[in-house]
PDB file of N, CA and C in Angstrom:
ATOM      1  N   MET A   1     -43.165 -79.874 -16.852  1.00  0.00           N
ATOM      2  CA  MET A   1     -43.799 -78.781 -16.123  1.00  0.00           C
ATOM      3  C   MET A   1     -44.711 -77.997 -17.064  1.00  0.00           C
ATOM      4  N   SER A   2     -45.875 -77.580 -16.570  1.00  0.00           N
ATOM      5  CA  SER A   2     -46.827 -76.882 -17.436  1.00  0.00           C
ATOM      6  C   SER A   2     -46.369 -75.450 -17.688  1.00  0.00           C
ATOM      7  N   ALA A   3     -46.815 -74.909 -18.782  1.00  0.00           N
ATOM      8  CA  ALA A   3     -46.466 -73.532 -19.130  1.00  0.00           C
ATOM      9  C   ALA A   3     -47.197 -72.547 -18.226  1.00  0.00           C
ATOM     10  N   ARG A   4     -48.343 -72.969 -17.656  1.00  0.00           N
ATOM     11  CA  ARG A   4     -49.129 -72.083 -16.800  1.00  0.00           C
ATOM     12  C   ARG A   4     -48.747 -72.249 -15.335  1.00  0.00           C
ATOM     13  N   SER A   5     -47.486 -72.042 -15.037  1.00  0.00           N
ATOM     14  CA  SER A   5     -47.052 -72.117 -13.637  1.00  0.00           C
ATOM     15  C   SER A   5     -47.531 -70.856 -12.917  1.00  0.00           C
ATOM     16  N   ASP A   6     -47.474 -70.872 -11.601  1.00  0.00           N
ATOM     17  CA  ASP A   6     -47.908 -69.709 -10.822  1.00  0.00           C
ATOM     18  C   ASP A   6     -47.130 -68.460 -11.222  1.00  0.00           C
ATOM     19  N   ARG A   7     -45.838 -68.649 -11.447  1.00  0.00           N
ATOM     20  CA  ARG A   7     -45.008 -67.496 -11.820  1.00  0.00           C
ATOM     21  C   ARG A   7     -45.427 -66.926 -13.174  1.00  0.00           C
ATOM     22  N   ASN A   8     -45.706 -67.828 -14.134  1.00  0.00           N
ATOM     23  CA  ASN A   8     -46.137 -67.367 -15.450  1.00  0.00           C
ATOM     24  C   ASN A   8     -47.471 -66.629 -15.369  1.00  0.00           C
ATOM     25  N   ILE A   9     -48.378 -67.126 -14.543  1.00  0.00           N
ATOM     26  CA  ILE A   9     -49.672 -66.469 -14.389  1.00  0.00           C
ATOM     27  C   ILE A   9     -49.481 -65.055 -13.844  1.00  0.00           C
ATOM     28  N   GLU A  10     -48.625 -64.913 -12.851  1.00  0.00           N
ATOM     29  CA  GLU A  10     -48.343 -63.586 -12.285  1.00  0.00           C
ATOM     30  C   GLU A  10     -47.755 -62.660 -13.345  1.00  0.00           C
ATOM     31  N   THR A  11     -46.835 -63.187 -14.148  1.00  0.00           N
ATOM     32  CA  THR A  11     -46.207 -62.381 -15.202  1.00  0.00           C
ATOM     33  C   THR A  11     -47.255 -61.907 -16.199  1.00  0.00           C
ATOM     34  N   ARG A  12     -48.156 -62.798 -16.607  1.00  0.00           N
ATOM     35  CA  ARG A  12     -49.205 -62.437 -17.561  1.00  0.00           C
ATOM     36  C   ARG A  12     -50.123 -61.361 -16.994  1.00  0.00           C
ATOM     37  N   LYS A  13     -50.444 -61.471 -15.711  1.00  0.00           N
ATOM     38  CA  LYS A  13     -51.296 -60.477 -15.064  1.00  0.00           C
ATOM     39  C   LYS A  13     -50.612 -59.108 -15.053  1.00  0.00           C
ATOM     40  N   LYS A  14     -49.317 -59.088 -14.733  1.00  0.00           N
ATOM     41  CA  LYS A  14     -48.573 -57.828 -14.699  1.00  0.00           C
ATOM     42  C   LYS A  14     -48.522 -57.193 -16.080  1.00  0.00           C
ATOM     43  N   LYS A  15     -48.274 -58.008 -17.101  1.00  0.00           N
ATOM     44  CA  LYS A  15     -48.216 -57.490 -18.470  1.00  0.00           C
ATOM     45  C   LYS A  15     -49.573 -56.926 -18.890  1.00  0.00           C
ATOM     46  N   ALA A  16     -50.649 -57.612 -18.485  1.00  0.00           N
ATOM     47  CA  ALA A  16     -52.001 -57.154 -18.820  1.00  0.00           C
ATOM     48  C   ALA A  16     -52.291 -55.809 -18.170  1.00  0.00           C
ATOM     49  N   ARG A  17     -51.813 -55.643 -16.936  1.00  0.00           N
ATOM     50  CA  ARG A  17     -52.041 -54.370 -16.235  1.00  0.00           C
ATOM     51  C   ARG A  17     -51.259 -53.234 -16.878  1.00  0.00           C
ATOM     52  N   ARG A  18     -50.072 -53.535 -17.405  1.00  0.00           N
ATOM     53  CA  ARG A  18     -49.220 -52.499 -18.001  1.00  0.00           C
ATOM     54  C   ARG A  18     -49.646 -52.126 -19.417  1.00  0.00           C
ATOM     55  N   ALA A  19     -50.442 -52.992 -20.046  1.00  0.00           N
ATOM     56  CA  ALA A  19     -50.790 -52.768 -21.447  1.00  0.00           C
ATOM     57  C   ALA A  19     -51.545 -51.456 -21.621  1.00  0.00           C
ATOM     58  N   ILE A  20     -51.250 -50.761 -22.704  1.00  0.00           N
ATOM     59  CA  ILE A  20     -51.916 -49.497 -23.004  1.00  0.00           C
ATOM     60  C   ILE A  20     -53.313 -49.802 -23.526  1.00  0.00           C
ATOM     61  N   ALA A  21     -54.301 -49.087 -23.020  1.00  0.00           N
ATOM     62  CA  ALA A  21     -55.682 -49.276 -23.490  1.00  0.00           C
ATOM     63  C   ALA A  21     -55.811 -48.659 -24.876  1.00  0.00           C
ATOM     64  N   ARG A  22     -56.165 -49.471 -25.831  1.00  0.00           N
ATOM     65  CA  ARG A  22     -56.313 -48.980 -27.203  1.00  0.00           C
ATOM     66  C   ARG A  22     -57.761 -49.164 -27.646  1.00  0.00           C
ATOM     67  N   PRO A  23     -58.273 -48.255 -28.475  1.00  0.00           N
ATOM     68  CA  PRO A  23     -59.645 -48.443 -28.957  1.00  0.00           C
ATOM     69  C   PRO A  23     -59.742 -49.649 -29.872  1.00  0.00           C
ATOM     70  N   LYS A  24     -60.906 -50.269 -29.892  1.00  0.00           N
ATOM     71  CA  LYS A  24     -61.112 -51.419 -30.769  1.00  0.00           C
ATOM     72  C   LYS A  24     -61.012 -50.967 -32.221  1.00  0.00           C
ATOM     73  N   THR A  25     -60.569 -51.869 -33.092  1.00  0.00           N
ATOM     74  CA  THR A  25     -60.455 -51.516 -34.499  1.00  0.00           C
ATOM     75  C   THR A  25     -61.837 -51.265 -35.061  1.00  0.00           C
ATOM     76  N   THR A  26     -61.970 -50.210 -35.849  1.00  0.00           N
ATOM     77  CA  THR A  26     -63.286 -49.828 -36.364  1.00  0.00           C
ATOM     78  C   THR A  26     -63.650 -50.631 -37.605  1.00  0.00           C
ATOM     79  N   ARG A  27     -62.656 -51.127 -38.332  1.00  0.00           N
ATOM     80  CA  ARG A  27     -62.978 -51.951 -39.491  1.00  0.00           C
ATOM     81  C   ARG A  27     -61.949 -53.064 -39.605  1.00  0.00           C
ATOM     82  N   ILE A  28     -62.379 -54.198 -40.091  1.00  0.00           N
ATOM     83  CA  ILE A  28     -61.497 -55.347 -40.201  1.00  0.00           C
ATOM     84  C   ILE A  28     -60.564 -55.155 -41.394  1.00  0.00           C
ATOM     85  N   GLN A  29     -59.351 -55.624 -41.274  1.00  0.00           N
ATOM     86  CA  GLN A  29     -58.391 -55.597 -42.367  1.00  0.00           C
ATOM     87  C   GLN A  29     -58.187 -57.035 -42.824  1.00  0.00           C
ATOM     88  N   GLY A  30     -57.669 -57.226 -43.998  1.00  0.00           N
ATOM     89  CA  GLY A  30     -57.371 -58.587 -44.412  1.00  0.00           C
ATOM     90  C   GLY A  30     -57.402 -58.742 -45.915  1.00  0.00           C
ATOM     91  N   ASN A  31     -56.877 -59.837 -46.381  1.00  0.00           N
ATOM     92  CA  ASN A  31     -56.760 -60.069 -47.810  1.00  0.00           C
ATOM     93  C   ASN A  31     -57.563 -61.288 -48.248  1.00  0.00           C
ATOM     94  N   THR A  32     -58.405 -61.824 -47.375  1.00  0.00           N
ATOM     95  CA  THR A  32     -59.223 -62.972 -47.764  1.00  0.00           C
ATOM     96  C   THR A  32     -60.454 -62.469 -48.509  1.00  0.00           C
ATOM     97  N   GLY A  33     -61.099 -63.363 -49.238  1.00  0.00           N
ATOM     98  CA  GLY A  33     -62.270 -62.975 -50.029  1.00  0.00           C
ATOM     99  C   GLY A  33     -63.354 -62.344 -49.191  1.00  0.00           C
ATOM    100  N   GLY A  34     -63.674 -62.979 -48.069  1.00  0.00           N
ATOM    101  CA  GLY A  34     -64.741 -62.460 -47.213  1.00  0.00           C
ATOM    102  C   GLY A  34     -64.405 -61.109 -46.625  1.00  0.00           C
ATOM    103  N   ALA A  35     -63.151 -60.960 -46.174  1.00  0.00           N
ATOM    104  CA  ALA A  35     -62.731 -59.699 -45.562  1.00  0.00           C
ATOM    105  C   ALA A  35     -62.718 -58.585 -46.603  1.00  0.00           C
ATOM    106  N   ARG A  36     -62.248 -58.890 -47.806  1.00  0.00           N
ATOM    107  CA  ARG A  36     -62.214 -57.876 -48.867  1.00  0.00           C
ATOM    108  C   ARG A  36     -63.624 -57.416 -49.220  1.00  0.00           C
ATOM    109  N   LYS A  37     -64.545 -58.371 -49.228  1.00  0.00           N
ATOM    110  CA  LYS A  37     -65.941 -58.034 -49.544  1.00  0.00           C
ATOM    111  C   LYS A  37     -66.525 -57.112 -48.479  1.00  0.00           C
ATOM    112  N   ARG A  38     -66.250 -57.447 -47.208  1.00  0.00           N
ATOM    113  CA  ARG A  38     -66.765 -56.612 -46.124  1.00  0.00           C
ATOM    114  C   ARG A  38     -66.142 -55.218 -46.147  1.00  0.00           C
ATOM    115  N   LEU A  39     -64.827 -55.151 -46.451  1.00  0.00           N
ATOM    116  CA  LEU A  39     -64.164 -53.849 -46.551  1.00  0.00           C
ATOM    117  C   LEU A  39     -64.767 -53.024 -47.678  1.00  0.00           C
ATOM    118  N   LYS A  40     -65.041 -53.680 -48.802  1.00  0.00           N
ATOM    119  CA  LYS A  40     -65.622 -52.985 -49.958  1.00  0.00           C
ATOM    120  C   LYS A  40     -66.993 -52.431 -49.602  1.00  0.00           C
ATOM    121  N   LYS A  41     -67.783 -53.248 -48.912  1.00  0.00           N
ATOM    122  CA  LYS A  41     -69.120 -52.818 -48.505  1.00  0.00           C
ATOM    123  C   LYS A  41     -69.022 -51.650 -47.525  1.00  0.00           C
ATOM    124  N   ALA A  42     -68.096 -51.756 -46.555  1.00  0.00           N
ATOM    125  CA  ALA A  42     -67.922 -50.696 -45.559  1.00  0.00           C
ATOM    126  C   ALA A  42     -67.493 -49.394 -46.211  1.00  0.00           C
ATOM    127  N   SER A  43     -66.603 -49.483 -47.192  1.00  0.00           N
ATOM    128  CA  SER A  43     -66.129 -48.279 -47.855  1.00  0.00           C
ATOM    129  C   SER A  43     -67.253 -47.649 -48.670  1.00  0.00           C
ATOM    130  N   GLY A  44     -68.102 -48.492 -49.279  1.00  0.00           N
ATOM    131  CA  GLY A  44     -69.243 -47.971 -50.024  1.00  0.00           C
ATOM    132  C   GLY A  44     -70.212 -47.246 -49.123  1.00  0.00           C
ATOM    133  N   ILE A  45     -70.469 -47.811 -47.963  1.00  0.00           N
ATOM    134  CA  ILE A  45     -71.374 -47.175 -46.991  1.00  0.00           C
ATOM    135  C   ILE A  45     -70.770 -45.844 -46.528  1.00  0.00           C
ATOM    136  N   ALA A  46     -69.464 -45.847 -46.272  1.00  0.00           N
ATOM    137  CA  ALA A  46     -68.775 -44.626 -45.835  1.00  0.00           C
ATOM    138  C   ALA A  46     -68.844 -43.549 -46.918  1.00  0.00           C
ATOM    139  N   ARG A  47     -68.715 -43.948 -48.172  1.00  0.00           N
ATOM    140  CA  ARG A  47     -68.789 -42.984 -49.281  1.00  0.00           C
ATOM    141  C   ARG A  47     -70.188 -42.389 -49.362  1.00  0.00           C
ATOM    142  N   GLY A  48     -71.180 -43.230 -49.126  1.00  0.00           N
ATOM    143  CA  GLY A  48     -72.567 -42.751 -49.151  1.00  0.00           C
ATOM    144  C   GLY A  48     -72.826 -41.722 -48.074  1.00  0.00           C
ATOM    145  N   LYS A  49     -72.232 -41.940 -46.892  1.00  0.00           N
ATOM    146  CA  LYS A  49     -72.412 -40.989 -45.781  1.00  0.00           C
ATOM    147  C   LYS A  49     -71.684 -39.691 -46.073  1.00  0.00           C
ATOM    148  N   ALA A  50     -70.529 -39.763 -46.741  1.00  0.00           N
ATOM    149  CA  ALA A  50     -69.747 -38.569 -47.040  1.00  0.00           C
ATOM    150  C   ALA A  50     -70.491 -37.658 -48.023  1.00  0.00           C
ATOM    151  N   LYS A  51     -71.195 -38.256 -48.970  1.00  0.00           N
ATOM    152  CA  LYS A  51     -71.943 -37.483 -49.970  1.00  0.00           C
ATOM    153  C   LYS A  51     -73.098 -36.726 -49.335  1.00  0.00           C
ATOM    154  N   ALA A  52     -73.809 -37.389 -48.466  1.00  0.00           N
ATOM    155  CA  ALA A  52     -75.041 -36.801 -47.909  1.00  0.00           C
ATOM    156  C   ALA A  52     -74.804 -35.648 -46.970  1.00  0.00           C
TER     157      ALA A  52
END
């Protein structure tokens, strides 16, 4: 039997309706090289705005 039965679809829809609306993340988190580089750049830009 497939995991996407009618009952499962209904359950997923109900859970989606109950979910709390949260704002999108403003900056990516992570420990990979690319993510760390982007975080570093974002923090530098933020520091520049704070000074001005």
